[in-house]
Amino acid sequence: MIKKIILLLAIISPFVGYYFTIYLLKFEKKKIPVLKLSILSLVLLVSTLIFFRYFSHISPDTKYYPPKVEDGKVVPAENK
């Protein structure tokens, strides 16, 4: 569940940062810092990818077996 939350935050936070800066810039009459927001987005993306790379509990040698139907019942997917 924590992985989904981190991924969701990495996707949503640049947009939240954008709207927050737009709100602040209404008071200062400056241009939008597109470069800063782009760099922030890339940093968050790379940090999320690094997190999933090093903290994933599934080994590269794991075999994935997709869900299947046995005797009229669905058997869920398995990682062995």
Protein backbone atom coordinates (compact mmCIF):
# COMPACT_ATOMS: atom_id res chain seq x y z
CA MET A 1 0.00 0.00 0.00
CA ILE A 2 2.87 2.37 0.78
CA LYS A 3 4.21 1.89 -2.75
CA LYS A 4 0.91 3.01 -4.23
CA ILE A 5 0.85 6.07 -1.99
CA ILE A 6 4.42 7.03 -2.94
CA LEU A 7 3.70 6.56 -6.64
CA LEU A 8 0.53 8.61 -6.36
CA LEU A 9 2.40 11.38 -4.53
CA ALA A 10 5.15 11.38 -7.16
CA ILE A 11 2.55 11.81 -9.89
CA ILE A 12 0.36 14.39 -8.16
CA SER A 13 2.94 16.53 -6.32
CA PRO A 14 4.24 18.44 -9.41
CA PHE A 15 0.66 19.50 -10.16
CA VAL A 16 0.07 20.52 -6.55
CA GLY A 17 3.36 22.42 -6.62
CA TYR A 18 2.31 24.12 -9.85
CA TYR A 19 -1.04 25.27 -8.50
CA PHE A 20 0.58 26.36 -5.24
CA THR A 21 3.12 28.50 -7.10
CA ILE A 22 0.38 29.92 -9.33
CA TYR A 23 -1.53 30.89 -6.20
CA LEU A 24 1.56 32.57 -4.73
CA LEU A 25 2.44 34.28 -8.02
CA LYS A 26 -0.95 35.99 -8.15
CA PHE A 27 0.36 38.17 -5.36
CA GLU A 28 3.75 38.89 -6.96
CA LYS A 29 2.91 39.21 -10.70
CA LYS A 30 5.87 37.09 -11.87
CA LYS A 31 6.18 34.51 -14.64
CA ILE A 32 5.53 30.82 -14.03
CA PRO A 33 8.73 28.95 -13.04
CA VAL A 34 8.35 26.19 -15.64
CA LEU A 35 11.98 25.15 -15.37
CA LYS A 36 11.82 24.76 -11.60
CA LEU A 37 8.61 22.71 -11.81
CA SER A 38 10.09 20.50 -14.51
CA ILE A 39 13.18 19.83 -12.43
CA LEU A 40 11.00 19.10 -9.38
CA SER A 41 8.96 16.64 -11.43
CA LEU A 42 12.08 14.85 -12.69
CA VAL A 43 13.56 14.65 -9.19
CA LEU A 44 10.36 13.13 -7.82
CA LEU A 45 10.16 10.66 -10.70
CA VAL A 46 13.76 9.53 -10.28
CA SER A 47 13.39 9.23 -6.51
CA THR A 48 10.28 7.08 -6.94
CA LEU A 49 12.03 4.83 -9.45
CA ILE A 50 15.01 4.46 -7.11
CA PHE A 51 12.69 3.64 -4.22
CA PHE A 52 10.94 0.89 -6.19
CA ARG A 53 14.27 -0.46 -7.45
CA TYR A 54 15.89 -0.91 -4.05
CA PHE A 55 12.92 -1.53 -1.76
CA SER A 56 10.92 -3.97 -3.86
CA HIS A 57 10.59 -7.32 -2.12
CA ILE A 58 10.26 -9.35 -5.31
CA SER A 59 13.51 -10.88 -6.48
CA PRO A 60 14.45 -10.82 -10.19
CA ASP A 61 14.42 -14.64 -10.23
CA THR A 62 10.75 -14.77 -9.23
CA LYS A 63 8.43 -16.59 -11.61
CA TYR A 64 5.02 -15.02 -12.22
CA TYR A 65 2.03 -17.25 -12.85
CA PRO A 66 -1.05 -15.37 -14.08
CA PRO A 67 -4.54 -16.00 -12.70
CA LYS A 68 -6.24 -19.10 -14.07
CA VAL A 69 -9.51 -20.99 -13.84
CA GLU A 70 -9.42 -24.41 -12.18
CA ASP A 71 -12.60 -26.40 -11.58
CA GLY A 72 -14.76 -23.36 -12.27
CA LYS A 73 -12.96 -21.18 -9.69
CA VAL A 74 -10.48 -18.41 -10.34
CA VAL A 75 -7.06 -19.08 -8.82
CA PRO A 76 -5.27 -15.76 -8.15
CA ALA A 77 -1.88 -14.88 -9.60
CA GLU A 78 1.20 -16.21 -7.84
CA ASN A 79 4.83 -15.20 -7.48
CA LYS A 80 7.07 -18.21 -6.83
